[in-house]
Amino acid sequence: MKIPRRPKHLGSQDGDTMTPMIDVVFLLLVFFICASVGGTADRLLPAELKGTTEAADPQEPAEDPDEWQHPAIQIRIEPEQDSVAVFLDEQRLAGPDMLKDRLQRLAAVDPESRIILNIHDDVRVQPFIDVYDLCQSLQFQNISFAVGKPATNQ
């Protein structure tokens, strides 16, 4: 039985020589598509032109220096012997009643102030819930919880 021999030299009409070229073109196409997706459009970059005093981005409103910035109020509760110690912006208060009075005055002036509750791990749940409920009853709109170790001034 005679095994047919393969021709040593393939002609260009066999189609085998175009496969690597198509792969290269396809890979280049994929590369340029992927590279162009992550780029920033030039029209979005701010630019100052000579002879002008304003930035080229008219969509961004100018900051109003008279605009009110809502302050962040930190309430820290730490355990004591029989009760808890309450701090309002690192100032120790006489108790929860004084905290309620101060928060009522603040809520009347600015209910959009950010309230940050920083509760020590050893504080029982009920004082923490009482302060949280107080903030909600006064309709503060932004109540956050601090995570991590509290900064103490000792």
Foldseek 3Di string as FASTA:
>chain_A
DDDDDDDPDDDPVVVPVCVVVVVVVVVVVVVVVVVVVPDDDPVPDWDDDPPDDDIPDPVDDDDDPPDDDAAEWEWEWADDDPAIWIDINQHTDPDPVVVLVVVLVVLVVDLQHAYEYEYDPPHDDVVVVVVVVSNVVSPRPHYHYDDDDDDHDD
